[in-house]
Amino acid sequence: MAAARHSTLDFMLGAKADGETILKGLQSIFQEQGMTESVYTWQDHGYLATYTNKNGSFANLRIYPHGLVLLDLQSYDSDIQSKEETDSLLNKIEEKMKELSQDSAGRVKRLPPIVRGGAIDRYWPTADGRLVEYDIDEVVYDEDSPYQNIKILHSKQFGNILILSGDVNLAESDLAYTRAIMGSGKEDYTGKDVLILGGGDGGILCEIVKLKPKMVTMVEISFAKYMRRTCGDVLDNLKGDCYQVIIAGLPSNARVVDSTWEFLRLILDLSMKVLKQDGKYFTQGNCVNLTEALSLYEEQLGRLYCPVEFSKEIVCVPSYLELWVFYTVWKKAKP
């Protein structure tokens, strides 16, 4: 399936930009491609030149007076030849711009092209809003449940990645995440009762049953298929020697809350009510860059029905390409 290929080329000159000289110097390169030029000027705001081709490709050249020159080129990425032609055009423009700016040498930045509208979506944002292009080569699964969109995409580096309603949840490479949310090996699960809220990728369940718990109960609205490196065969059966998986929809009398934080506090309160006095509650927090969100989360911990204490750990989650904060929460000892 063909897609649009958006290429960029940025120049930060070491002096003010001479727009007329740049336009004249690049004109022949665009003419060789059969592109038609239109130029717009603004007093004190530089130039905008657009170049259009009969094949539907086009380029915008923006020249700012202070020395920033930006080229955006969009083409229809239908075959290898069109890619080679685009790369050749960008190479010629880059070489010519370096020649034109010899007396005001600055920085040149050429980013990999963004492919838009392709059969496989490779672009997913980090928690703090930075764009990441993953090496995704296959859509393994893509369906809408009554509650969310479920995608499983295959990455050459990270294996299958579970994406829920546009949010990267877990990849098969992310054992560090699973270990962190279980206490990073510091907790002894032998003979203990464990409740997993969510965990539909099966990773936590798979790891905990190896540690000889008394009983593990996992409650989810659905669970992910095709994450074998994460869950092994533990989700092949909803009951095992020391675990059971309960798939439950939202109750018809579910309480309506006004905000995400109120909902989170409700879940935390309910969790604390079923937690034994000497029990522990393990959960993920957020990306370390989202300091305000982390502070608000810790504020919720101080507003629960019972006093609690907590510790936190920072772990690098491979497929997130981020450092992530994990929390351990427990009830304060009774006096």
C-alpha atoms as a PDB file:
ATOM      1  CA  MET A   1       0.000   0.000   0.000  1.00  0.00           C
ATOM      2  CA  ALA A   2       1.491   3.321  -1.099  1.00  0.00           C
ATOM      3  CA  ALA A   3       1.728   6.180   1.370  1.00  0.00           C
ATOM      4  CA  ALA A   4       2.812   9.798   1.545  1.00  0.00           C
ATOM      5  CA  ARG A   5       6.472  10.386   2.355  1.00  0.00           C
ATOM      6  CA  HIS A   6       7.201  13.643   4.188  1.00  0.00           C
ATOM      7  CA  SER A   7      10.872  14.640   4.108  1.00  0.00           C
ATOM      8  CA  THR A   8      12.439  17.606   5.860  1.00  0.00           C
ATOM      9  CA  LEU A   9      15.683  19.507   5.509  1.00  0.00           C
ATOM     10  CA  ASP A  10      16.572  22.309   7.942  1.00  0.00           C
ATOM     11  CA  PHE A  11      19.317  24.911   7.707  1.00  0.00           C
ATOM     12  CA  MET A  12      20.281  27.262  10.524  1.00  0.00           C
ATOM     13  CA  LEU A  13      22.566  29.791   8.899  1.00  0.00           C
ATOM     14  CA  GLY A  14      25.192  31.673  10.845  1.00  0.00           C
ATOM     15  CA  ALA A  15      23.908  35.020   9.563  1.00  0.00           C
ATOM     16  CA  LYS A  16      20.725  36.607   8.228  1.00  0.00           C
ATOM     17  CA  ALA A  17      19.254  34.791   5.236  1.00  0.00           C
ATOM     18  CA  ASP A  18      19.407  36.420   1.801  1.00  0.00           C
ATOM     19  CA  GLY A  19      16.092  35.105   0.509  1.00  0.00           C
ATOM     20  CA  GLU A  20      16.475  36.251  -3.082  1.00  0.00           C
ATOM     21  CA  THR A  21      19.912  34.647  -3.425  1.00  0.00           C
ATOM     22  CA  ILE A  22      18.669  31.353  -1.963  1.00  0.00           C
ATOM     23  CA  LEU A  23      15.597  31.248  -4.218  1.00  0.00           C
ATOM     24  CA  LYS A  24      17.656  32.019  -7.314  1.00  0.00           C
ATOM     25  CA  GLY A  25      20.300  29.450  -6.364  1.00  0.00           C
ATOM     26  CA  LEU A  26      17.793  26.623  -5.846  1.00  0.00           C
ATOM     27  CA  GLN A  27      15.506  27.485  -8.757  1.00  0.00           C
ATOM     28  CA  SER A  28      17.289  25.357 -11.367  1.00  0.00           C
ATOM     29  CA  ILE A  29      17.182  22.262  -9.133  1.00  0.00           C
ATOM     30  CA  PHE A  30      13.399  22.401  -8.851  1.00  0.00           C
ATOM     31  CA  GLN A  31      13.040  23.208 -12.562  1.00  0.00           C
ATOM     32  CA  GLU A  32      15.000  20.049 -13.422  1.00  0.00           C
ATOM     33  CA  GLN A  33      12.272  18.106 -11.593  1.00  0.00           C
ATOM     34  CA  GLY A  34       9.559  19.793 -13.670  1.00  0.00           C
ATOM     35  CA  MET A  35       8.238  21.648 -10.628  1.00  0.00           C
ATOM     36  CA  THR A  36       6.333  24.929 -10.901  1.00  0.00           C
ATOM     37  CA  GLU A  37       7.343  27.724  -8.527  1.00  0.00           C
ATOM     38  CA  SER A  38       5.165  30.214  -6.634  1.00  0.00           C
ATOM     39  CA  VAL A  39       6.768  32.746  -4.286  1.00  0.00           C
ATOM     40  CA  TYR A  40       5.200  34.723  -1.443  1.00  0.00           C
ATOM     41  CA  THR A  41       6.956  37.468   0.473  1.00  0.00           C
ATOM     42  CA  TRP A  42       6.239  39.340   3.687  1.00  0.00           C
ATOM     43  CA  GLN A  43       7.928  42.508   4.785  1.00  0.00           C
ATOM     44  CA  ASP A  44      10.237  41.613   7.688  1.00  0.00           C
ATOM     45  CA  HIS A  45       9.010  37.985   7.680  1.00  0.00           C
ATOM     46  CA  GLY A  46      10.918  36.415   4.799  1.00  0.00           C
ATOM     47  CA  TYR A  47       9.807  34.199   1.924  1.00  0.00           C
ATOM     48  CA  LEU A  48       7.655  31.163   1.233  1.00  0.00           C
ATOM     49  CA  ALA A  49       8.185  29.323  -2.047  1.00  0.00           C
ATOM     50  CA  THR A  50       6.008  26.413  -3.126  1.00  0.00           C
ATOM     51  CA  TYR A  51       6.998  23.959  -5.838  1.00  0.00           C
ATOM     52  CA  THR A  52       4.449  21.601  -7.376  1.00  0.00           C
ATOM     53  CA  ASN A  53       4.917  18.677  -9.728  1.00  0.00           C
ATOM     54  CA  LYS A  54       2.477  17.063 -12.148  1.00  0.00           C
ATOM     55  CA  ASN A  55       2.906  13.745 -10.315  1.00  0.00           C
ATOM     56  CA  GLY A  56       1.376  15.274  -7.170  1.00  0.00           C
ATOM     57  CA  SER A  57       4.570  15.825  -5.200  1.00  0.00           C
ATOM     58  CA  PHE A  58       5.232  19.272  -3.780  1.00  0.00           C
ATOM     59  CA  ALA A  59       7.733  21.195  -1.690  1.00  0.00           C
ATOM     60  CA  ASN A  60       7.536  24.202   0.612  1.00  0.00           C
ATOM     61  CA  LEU A  61      10.641  26.311   1.143  1.00  0.00           C
ATOM     62  CA  ARG A  62      10.362  28.748   4.049  1.00  0.00           C
ATOM     63  CA  ILE A  63      13.099  31.346   4.466  1.00  0.00           C
ATOM     64  CA  TYR A  64      13.110  33.303   7.719  1.00  0.00           C
ATOM     65  CA  PRO A  65      15.115  36.550   7.819  1.00  0.00           C
ATOM     66  CA  HIS A  66      17.111  35.585  10.920  1.00  0.00           C
ATOM     67  CA  GLY A  67      18.712  32.636   9.089  1.00  0.00           C
ATOM     68  CA  LEU A  68      16.379  29.655   9.477  1.00  0.00           C
ATOM     69  CA  VAL A  69      15.605  27.918   6.164  1.00  0.00           C
ATOM     70  CA  LEU A  70      13.153  24.998   6.146  1.00  0.00           C
ATOM     71  CA  LEU A  71      12.324  22.626   3.312  1.00  0.00           C
ATOM     72  CA  ASP A  72       9.323  20.287   3.498  1.00  0.00           C
ATOM     73  CA  LEU A  73       8.928  17.824   0.637  1.00  0.00           C
ATOM     74  CA  GLN A  74       5.947  15.521   0.273  1.00  0.00           C
ATOM     75  CA  SER A  75       5.816  12.762  -2.322  1.00  0.00           C
ATOM     76  CA  TYR A  76       3.754   9.681  -3.049  1.00  0.00           C
ATOM     77  CA  ASP A  77       5.840   6.783  -1.823  1.00  0.00           C
ATOM     78  CA  SER A  78       4.755   4.251  -4.441  1.00  0.00           C
ATOM     79  CA  ASP A  79       8.014   2.575  -5.438  1.00  0.00           C
ATOM     80  CA  ILE A  80      11.773   2.465  -4.889  1.00  0.00           C
ATOM     81  CA  GLN A  81      12.391   4.794  -7.843  1.00  0.00           C
ATOM     82  CA  SER A  82      10.316   7.589  -6.283  1.00  0.00           C
ATOM     83  CA  LYS A  83      12.300   7.241  -3.037  1.00  0.00           C
ATOM     84  CA  GLU A  84      15.570   7.466  -4.945  1.00  0.00           C
ATOM     85  CA  GLU A  85      14.364  10.549  -6.836  1.00  0.00           C
ATOM     86  CA  THR A  86      13.347  12.238  -3.579  1.00  0.00           C
ATOM     87  CA  ASP A  87      16.686  11.428  -1.938  1.00  0.00           C
ATOM     88  CA  SER A  88      18.533  12.733  -4.999  1.00  0.00           C
ATOM     89  CA  LEU A  89      16.577  16.007  -4.893  1.00  0.00           C
ATOM     90  CA  LEU A  90      17.290  16.471  -1.182  1.00  0.00           C
ATOM     91  CA  ASN A  91      20.988  15.755  -1.740  1.00  0.00           C
ATOM     92  CA  LYS A  92      21.201  18.396  -4.476  1.00  0.00           C
ATOM     93  CA  ILE A  93      19.417  21.004  -2.346  1.00  0.00           C
ATOM     94  CA  GLU A  94      21.648  20.274   0.645  1.00  0.00           C
ATOM     95  CA  GLU A  95      24.811  20.593  -1.460  1.00  0.00           C
ATOM     96  CA  LYS A  96      23.601  23.827  -3.070  1.00  0.00           C
ATOM     97  CA  MET A  97      22.614  25.362   0.264  1.00  0.00           C
ATOM     98  CA  LYS A  98      26.065  24.593   1.671  1.00  0.00           C
ATOM     99  CA  GLU A  99      27.573  26.303  -1.369  1.00  0.00           C
ATOM    100  CA  LEU A 100      25.292  29.347  -1.006  1.00  0.00           C
ATOM    101  CA  SER A 101      25.981  29.708   2.709  1.00  0.00           C
ATOM    102  CA  GLN A 102      29.771  29.341   2.699  1.00  0.00           C
ATOM    103  CA  ASP A 103      30.155  32.784   4.244  1.00  0.00           C
ATOM    104  CA  SER A 104      27.594  32.038   6.967  1.00  0.00           C
ATOM    105  CA  ALA A 105      28.135  28.374   7.760  1.00  0.00           C
ATOM    106  CA  GLY A 106      25.669  26.984  10.289  1.00  0.00           C
ATOM    107  CA  ARG A 107      23.841  23.756  11.082  1.00  0.00           C
ATOM    108  CA  VAL A 108      22.138  21.339   8.707  1.00  0.00           C
ATOM    109  CA  LYS A 109      19.551  18.851   9.979  1.00  0.00           C
ATOM    110  CA  ARG A 110      18.032  16.138   7.815  1.00  0.00           C
ATOM    111  CA  LEU A 111      15.571  13.852   9.569  1.00  0.00           C
ATOM    112  CA  PRO A 112      14.365  10.446   8.370  1.00  0.00           C
ATOM    113  CA  PRO A 113      11.166  10.857   6.342  1.00  0.00           C
ATOM    114  CA  ILE A 114       7.804  10.471   8.046  1.00  0.00           C
ATOM    115  CA  VAL A 115       5.620   7.966   6.194  1.00  0.00           C
ATOM    116  CA  ARG A 116       1.948   8.901   6.521  1.00  0.00           C
ATOM    117  CA  GLY A 117      -1.088   6.821   5.620  1.00  0.00           C
ATOM    118  CA  GLY A 118       0.756   3.513   5.268  1.00  0.00           C
ATOM    119  CA  ALA A 119      -0.732   0.096   5.957  1.00  0.00           C
ATOM    120  CA  ILE A 120       1.354  -0.119   9.151  1.00  0.00           C
ATOM    121  CA  ASP A 121       1.436   2.740  11.653  1.00  0.00           C
ATOM    122  CA  ARG A 122       4.954   2.988  13.073  1.00  0.00           C
ATOM    123  CA  TYR A 123       4.533   6.229  15.025  1.00  0.00           C
ATOM    124  CA  TRP A 124       3.490   6.177  18.673  1.00  0.00           C
ATOM    125  CA  PRO A 125       4.050   8.918  21.255  1.00  0.00           C
ATOM    126  CA  THR A 126       5.851   8.505  24.551  1.00  0.00           C
ATOM    127  CA  ALA A 127       4.028   9.323  27.790  1.00  0.00           C
ATOM    128  CA  ASP A 128       5.530  12.820  27.784  1.00  0.00           C
ATOM    129  CA  GLY A 129       4.486  13.535  24.188  1.00  0.00           C
ATOM    130  CA  ARG A 130       7.625  12.792  22.143  1.00  0.00           C
ATOM    131  CA  LEU A 131       7.173  11.025  18.827  1.00  0.00           C
ATOM    132  CA  VAL A 132       8.816   7.618  18.381  1.00  0.00           C
ATOM    133  CA  GLU A 133       9.086   5.684  15.132  1.00  0.00           C
ATOM    134  CA  TYR A 134       9.075   1.973  15.933  1.00  0.00           C
ATOM    135  CA  ASP A 135      10.486  -0.714  13.644  1.00  0.00           C
ATOM    136  CA  ILE A 136       7.040  -2.282  13.212  1.00  0.00           C
ATOM    137  CA  ASP A 137       6.723  -4.638  10.267  1.00  0.00           C
ATOM    138  CA  GLU A 138       3.412  -6.445  10.872  1.00  0.00           C
ATOM    139  CA  VAL A 139      -0.067  -5.879  12.288  1.00  0.00           C
ATOM    140  CA  VAL A 140      -0.638  -9.083  14.250  1.00  0.00           C
ATOM    141  CA  TYR A 141      -4.046  -8.175  15.698  1.00  0.00           C
ATOM    142  CA  ASP A 142      -6.363  -5.154  15.553  1.00  0.00           C
ATOM    143  CA  GLU A 143      -9.863  -5.306  17.020  1.00  0.00           C
ATOM    144  CA  ASP A 144     -12.289  -3.158  18.997  1.00  0.00           C
ATOM    145  CA  SER A 145     -13.605  -4.599  22.254  1.00  0.00           C
ATOM    146  CA  PRO A 146     -16.618  -3.054  24.027  1.00  0.00           C
ATOM    147  CA  TYR A 147     -14.140  -1.019  26.105  1.00  0.00           C
ATOM    148  CA  GLN A 148     -11.080  -0.243  23.996  1.00  0.00           C
ATOM    149  CA  ASN A 149      -9.196  -0.759  20.761  1.00  0.00           C
ATOM    150  CA  ILE A 150      -6.671  -3.592  21.026  1.00  0.00           C
ATOM    151  CA  LYS A 151      -3.674  -3.694  18.714  1.00  0.00           C
ATOM    152  CA  ILE A 152      -0.757  -6.086  18.703  1.00  0.00           C
ATOM    153  CA  LEU A 153       2.021  -4.959  16.385  1.00  0.00           C
ATOM    154  CA  HIS A 154       5.269  -6.780  15.723  1.00  0.00           C
ATOM    155  CA  SER A 155       8.560  -4.945  16.230  1.00  0.00           C
ATOM    156  CA  LYS A 156      11.866  -6.339  14.999  1.00  0.00           C
ATOM    157  CA  GLN A 157      13.545  -5.261  18.260  1.00  0.00           C
ATOM    158  CA  PHE A 158      10.829  -5.589  20.882  1.00  0.00           C
ATOM    159  CA  GLY A 159       8.725  -8.491  19.608  1.00  0.00           C
ATOM    160  CA  ASN A 160       4.950  -8.143  19.765  1.00  0.00           C
ATOM    161  CA  ILE A 161       3.763  -4.859  21.299  1.00  0.00           C
ATOM    162  CA  LEU A 162       0.370  -4.500  22.994  1.00  0.00           C
ATOM    163  CA  ILE A 163      -1.258  -1.113  22.281  1.00  0.00           C
ATOM    164  CA  LEU A 164      -4.553  -0.221  23.967  1.00  0.00           C
ATOM    165  CA  SER A 165      -6.504   2.718  22.515  1.00  0.00           C
ATOM    166  CA  GLY A 166      -3.323   4.292  21.177  1.00  0.00           C
ATOM    167  CA  ASP A 167      -1.251   3.765  24.339  1.00  0.00           C
ATOM    168  CA  VAL A 168       1.804   1.496  24.235  1.00  0.00           C
ATOM    169  CA  ASN A 169       1.219  -0.926  27.133  1.00  0.00           C
ATOM    170  CA  LEU A 170       3.842  -3.647  26.964  1.00  0.00           C
ATOM    171  CA  ALA A 171       6.127  -5.463  24.557  1.00  0.00           C
ATOM    172  CA  GLU A 172       7.520  -8.964  24.742  1.00  0.00           C
ATOM    173  CA  SER A 173      10.915  -7.380  25.460  1.00  0.00           C
ATOM    174  CA  ASP A 174       9.663  -5.702  28.652  1.00  0.00           C
ATOM    175  CA  LEU A 175      10.413  -8.241  31.368  1.00  0.00           C
ATOM    176  CA  ALA A 176      11.960  -5.333  33.309  1.00  0.00           C
ATOM    177  CA  TYR A 177       8.472  -3.811  33.581  1.00  0.00           C
ATOM    178  CA  THR A 178       6.932  -7.043  34.864  1.00  0.00           C
ATOM    179  CA  ARG A 179       9.674  -7.575  37.431  1.00  0.00           C
ATOM    180  CA  ALA A 180       9.436  -3.964  38.625  1.00  0.00           C
ATOM    181  CA  ILE A 181       5.672  -4.090  39.143  1.00  0.00           C
ATOM    182  CA  MET A 182       6.166  -7.286  41.175  1.00  0.00           C
ATOM    183  CA  GLY A 183       8.681  -5.669  43.514  1.00  0.00           C
ATOM    184  CA  SER A 184      11.943  -6.289  41.625  1.00  0.00           C
ATOM    185  CA  GLY A 185      12.617  -9.610  43.333  1.00  0.00           C
ATOM    186  CA  LYS A 186      12.368  -8.215  46.879  1.00  0.00           C
ATOM    187  CA  GLU A 187       8.999  -9.792  47.668  1.00  0.00           C
ATOM    188  CA  ASP A 188       8.564 -13.423  48.729  1.00  0.00           C
ATOM    189  CA  TYR A 189       5.340 -14.708  47.148  1.00  0.00           C
ATOM    190  CA  THR A 190       5.564 -18.211  48.608  1.00  0.00           C
ATOM    191  CA  GLY A 191       2.224 -19.282  50.098  1.00  0.00           C
ATOM    192  CA  LYS A 192       0.607 -15.864  49.605  1.00  0.00           C
ATOM    193  CA  ASP A 193      -2.716 -14.774  48.107  1.00  0.00           C
ATOM    194  CA  VAL A 194      -2.286 -12.390  45.173  1.00  0.00           C
ATOM    195  CA  LEU A 195      -4.876 -10.251  43.364  1.00  0.00           C
ATOM    196  CA  ILE A 196      -3.940  -8.887  39.924  1.00  0.00           C
ATOM    197  CA  LEU A 197      -6.112  -6.011  38.715  1.00  0.00           C
ATOM    198  CA  GLY A 198      -5.726  -5.929  34.938  1.00  0.00           C
ATOM    199  CA  GLY A 199      -2.588  -7.616  33.659  1.00  0.00           C
ATOM    200  CA  GLY A 200      -4.226  -8.810  30.443  1.00  0.00           C
ATOM    201  CA  ASP A 201      -0.862  -9.323  28.751  1.00  0.00           C
ATOM    202  CA  GLY A 202      -0.364 -12.256  31.145  1.00  0.00           C
ATOM    203  CA  GLY A 203       3.180 -11.278  32.092  1.00  0.00           C
ATOM    204  CA  ILE A 204       2.620 -10.782  35.831  1.00  0.00           C
ATOM    205  CA  LEU A 205       0.583 -13.968  36.126  1.00  0.00           C
ATOM    206  CA  CYS A 206       3.212 -15.954  34.226  1.00  0.00           C
ATOM    207  CA  GLU A 207       6.023 -14.775  36.505  1.00  0.00           C
ATOM    208  CA  ILE A 208       4.132 -15.043  39.816  1.00  0.00           C
ATOM    209  CA  VAL A 209       2.989 -18.651  39.365  1.00  0.00           C
ATOM    210  CA  LYS A 210       6.680 -19.602  39.202  1.00  0.00           C
ATOM    211  CA  LEU A 211       7.130 -18.280  42.763  1.00  0.00           C
ATOM    212  CA  LYS A 212       4.825 -20.803  44.517  1.00  0.00           C
ATOM    213  CA  PRO A 213       1.987 -18.531  45.690  1.00  0.00           C
ATOM    214  CA  LYS A 214      -1.008 -19.968  47.517  1.00  0.00           C
ATOM    215  CA  MET A 215      -3.523 -18.542  45.007  1.00  0.00           C
ATOM    216  CA  VAL A 216      -3.446 -15.847  42.313  1.00  0.00           C
ATOM    217  CA  THR A 217      -6.686 -14.252  41.125  1.00  0.00           C
ATOM    218  CA  MET A 218      -6.476 -12.091  38.020  1.00  0.00           C
ATOM    219  CA  VAL A 219      -9.445  -9.858  37.124  1.00  0.00           C
ATOM    220  CA  GLU A 220      -9.555  -8.315  33.634  1.00  0.00           C
ATOM    221  CA  ILE A 221     -12.044  -7.047  31.068  1.00  0.00           C
ATOM    222  CA  SER A 222     -10.124  -8.932  28.339  1.00  0.00           C
ATOM    223  CA  PHE A 223      -6.737 -10.482  27.771  1.00  0.00           C
ATOM    224  CA  ALA A 224      -4.230 -10.222  24.964  1.00  0.00           C
ATOM    225  CA  LYS A 225      -3.420 -13.021  22.584  1.00  0.00           C
ATOM    226  CA  TYR A 226      -0.186 -13.374  20.656  1.00  0.00           C
ATOM    227  CA  MET A 227       2.112 -12.273  23.531  1.00  0.00           C
ATOM    228  CA  ARG A 228       3.696 -15.702  23.995  1.00  0.00           C
ATOM    229  CA  ARG A 229       7.123 -14.458  25.040  1.00  0.00           C
ATOM    230  CA  THR A 230       5.394 -12.523  27.819  1.00  0.00           C
ATOM    231  CA  CYS A 231       2.698 -14.905  29.064  1.00  0.00           C
ATOM    232  CA  GLY A 232       3.969 -18.316  27.985  1.00  0.00           C
ATOM    233  CA  ASP A 233       1.056 -20.774  28.089  1.00  0.00           C
ATOM    234  CA  VAL A 234      -0.499 -19.467  31.316  1.00  0.00           C
ATOM    235  CA  LEU A 235      -3.507 -17.929  29.532  1.00  0.00           C
ATOM    236  CA  ASP A 236      -4.298 -21.094  27.569  1.00  0.00           C
ATOM    237  CA  ASN A 237      -6.484 -22.063  30.533  1.00  0.00           C
ATOM    238  CA  LEU A 238      -8.323 -19.640  32.800  1.00  0.00           C
ATOM    239  CA  LYS A 239      -7.676 -21.919  35.780  1.00  0.00           C
ATOM    240  CA  GLY A 240      -4.513 -23.589  36.972  1.00  0.00           C
ATOM    241  CA  ASP A 241      -3.172 -25.281  40.081  1.00  0.00           C
ATOM    242  CA  CYS A 242      -2.622 -21.959  41.857  1.00  0.00           C
ATOM    243  CA  TYR A 243      -4.432 -19.348  39.769  1.00  0.00           C
ATOM    244  CA  GLN A 244      -7.700 -18.332  38.193  1.00  0.00           C
ATOM    245  CA  VAL A 245      -8.481 -15.651  35.606  1.00  0.00           C
ATOM    246  CA  ILE A 246     -11.811 -13.845  35.839  1.00  0.00           C
ATOM    247  CA  ILE A 247     -12.987 -11.973  32.742  1.00  0.00           C
ATOM    248  CA  ALA A 248     -15.567  -9.458  33.914  1.00  0.00           C
ATOM    249  CA  GLY A 249     -17.267  -6.584  32.125  1.00  0.00           C
ATOM    250  CA  LEU A 250     -18.202  -3.320  33.772  1.00  0.00           C
ATOM    251  CA  PRO A 251     -21.260  -3.667  36.048  1.00  0.00           C
ATOM    252  CA  SER A 252     -24.439  -1.852  35.025  1.00  0.00           C
ATOM    253  CA  ASN A 253     -24.479  -0.012  38.354  1.00  0.00           C
ATOM    254  CA  ALA A 254     -20.854   1.149  38.084  1.00  0.00           C
ATOM    255  CA  ARG A 255     -20.217   4.426  39.868  1.00  0.00           C
ATOM    256  CA  VAL A 256     -19.727   7.469  37.632  1.00  0.00           C
ATOM    257  CA  VAL A 257     -16.830   9.731  38.645  1.00  0.00           C
ATOM    258  CA  ASP A 258     -15.971  13.244  37.507  1.00  0.00           C
ATOM    259  CA  SER A 259     -12.254  12.909  36.804  1.00  0.00           C
ATOM    260  CA  THR A 260      -9.446  10.461  36.122  1.00  0.00           C
ATOM    261  CA  TRP A 261      -7.877  11.263  39.495  1.00  0.00           C
ATOM    262  CA  GLU A 262     -11.149  10.610  41.316  1.00  0.00           C
ATOM    263  CA  PHE A 263     -11.434   7.267  39.523  1.00  0.00           C
ATOM    264  CA  LEU A 264      -7.850   6.402  40.425  1.00  0.00           C
ATOM    265  CA  ARG A 265      -8.437   7.285  44.068  1.00  0.00           C
ATOM    266  CA  LEU A 266     -11.567   5.107  44.063  1.00  0.00           C
ATOM    267  CA  ILE A 267      -9.538   2.138  42.770  1.00  0.00           C
ATOM    268  CA  LEU A 268      -6.808   2.792  45.328  1.00  0.00           C
ATOM    269  CA  ASP A 269      -9.340   2.982  48.162  1.00  0.00           C
ATOM    270  CA  LEU A 270     -11.010  -0.267  47.115  1.00  0.00           C
ATOM    271  CA  SER A 271      -7.602  -1.909  46.795  1.00  0.00           C
ATOM    272  CA  MET A 272      -6.582  -0.822  50.282  1.00  0.00           C
ATOM    273  CA  LYS A 273      -9.842  -2.204  51.695  1.00  0.00           C
ATOM    274  CA  VAL A 274      -9.076  -5.714  50.423  1.00  0.00           C
ATOM    275  CA  LEU A 275      -5.366  -5.481  51.239  1.00  0.00           C
ATOM    276  CA  LYS A 276      -4.267  -7.261  54.402  1.00  0.00           C
ATOM    277  CA  GLN A 277      -2.673  -5.126  57.090  1.00  0.00           C
ATOM    278  CA  ASP A 278       0.747  -6.572  56.258  1.00  0.00           C
ATOM    279  CA  GLY A 279       0.082  -6.742  52.498  1.00  0.00           C
ATOM    280  CA  LYS A 280       1.632  -4.715  49.685  1.00  0.00           C
ATOM    281  CA  TYR A 281       0.170  -2.977  46.652  1.00  0.00           C
ATOM    282  CA  PHE A 282       2.446  -2.807  43.594  1.00  0.00           C
ATOM    283  CA  THR A 283       1.684  -0.494  40.683  1.00  0.00           C
ATOM    284  CA  GLN A 284       3.221   1.563  37.913  1.00  0.00           C
ATOM    285  CA  GLY A 285       3.336   5.325  38.196  1.00  0.00           C
ATOM    286  CA  ASN A 286       4.363   7.280  35.129  1.00  0.00           C
ATOM    287  CA  CYS A 287       7.272   8.498  33.042  1.00  0.00           C
ATOM    288  CA  VAL A 288       9.925  10.256  35.152  1.00  0.00           C
ATOM    289  CA  ASN A 289       9.539  13.403  33.027  1.00  0.00           C
ATOM    290  CA  LEU A 290       5.889  13.787  34.077  1.00  0.00           C
ATOM    291  CA  THR A 291       6.767  15.169  37.487  1.00  0.00           C
ATOM    292  CA  GLU A 292       3.432  16.937  37.951  1.00  0.00           C
ATOM    293  CA  ALA A 293       1.457  13.739  37.278  1.00  0.00           C
ATOM    294  CA  LEU A 294       3.679  11.812  39.694  1.00  0.00           C
ATOM    295  CA  SER A 295       3.153  14.456  42.377  1.00  0.00           C
ATOM    296  CA  LEU A 296      -0.614  14.306  41.856  1.00  0.00           C
ATOM    297  CA  TYR A 297      -0.517  10.514  42.165  1.00  0.00           C
ATOM    298  CA  GLU A 298       1.354  10.744  45.440  1.00  0.00           C
ATOM    299  CA  GLU A 299      -1.181  13.343  46.569  1.00  0.00           C
ATOM    300  CA  GLN A 300      -3.945  10.760  45.999  1.00  0.00           C
ATOM    301  CA  LEU A 301      -2.055   8.300  48.193  1.00  0.00           C
ATOM    302  CA  GLY A 302      -2.306  10.832  50.997  1.00  0.00           C
ATOM    303  CA  ARG A 303      -6.093  11.105  50.608  1.00  0.00           C
ATOM    304  CA  LEU A 304      -7.101   7.455  51.012  1.00  0.00           C
ATOM    305  CA  TYR A 305      -9.486   6.168  53.667  1.00  0.00           C
ATOM    306  CA  CYS A 306      -6.529   4.806  55.634  1.00  0.00           C
ATOM    307  CA  PRO A 307      -2.994   6.183  56.077  1.00  0.00           C
ATOM    308  CA  VAL A 308      -0.403   4.561  53.813  1.00  0.00           C
ATOM    309  CA  GLU A 309       3.310   4.710  53.158  1.00  0.00           C
ATOM    310  CA  PHE A 310       5.076   4.083  49.875  1.00  0.00           C
ATOM    311  CA  SER A 311       8.411   3.630  48.175  1.00  0.00           C
ATOM    312  CA  LYS A 312       9.283   4.052  44.518  1.00  0.00           C
ATOM    313  CA  GLU A 313      11.776   2.725  42.017  1.00  0.00           C
ATOM    314  CA  ILE A 314      12.839   3.979  38.586  1.00  0.00           C
ATOM    315  CA  VAL A 315      13.212   1.362  35.844  1.00  0.00           C
ATOM    316  CA  CYS A 316      13.983   1.611  32.132  1.00  0.00           C
ATOM    317  CA  VAL A 317      11.243  -0.110  30.110  1.00  0.00           C
ATOM    318  CA  PRO A 318      12.759  -1.091  26.726  1.00  0.00           C
ATOM    319  CA  SER A 319       9.807  -0.551  24.386  1.00  0.00           C
ATOM    320  CA  TYR A 320       8.748   2.683  26.111  1.00  0.00           C
ATOM    321  CA  LEU A 321      12.182   4.225  25.467  1.00  0.00           C
ATOM    322  CA  GLU A 322      11.611   5.949  28.808  1.00  0.00           C
ATOM    323  CA  LEU A 323      12.477   5.696  32.474  1.00  0.00           C
ATOM    324  CA  TRP A 324       9.344   4.741  34.414  1.00  0.00           C
ATOM    325  CA  VAL A 325       8.411   5.075  38.091  1.00  0.00           C
ATOM    326  CA  PHE A 326       6.984   2.077  39.983  1.00  0.00           C
ATOM    327  CA  TYR A 327       5.364   2.269  43.427  1.00  0.00           C
ATOM    328  CA  THR A 328       5.059  -0.077  46.380  1.00  0.00           C
ATOM    329  CA  VAL A 329       2.277   0.985  48.774  1.00  0.00           C
ATOM    330  CA  TRP A 330       1.428  -0.440  52.203  1.00  0.00           C
ATOM    331  CA  LYS A 331      -0.808   0.434  55.130  1.00  0.00           C
ATOM    332  CA  LYS A 332       0.800   2.242  58.024  1.00  0.00           C
ATOM    333  CA  ALA A 333       1.291   0.047  61.046  1.00  0.00           C
ATOM    334  CA  LYS A 334      -1.450   0.419  63.618  1.00  0.00           C
ATOM    335  CA  PRO A 335      -0.287   2.041  66.874  1.00  0.00           C
END
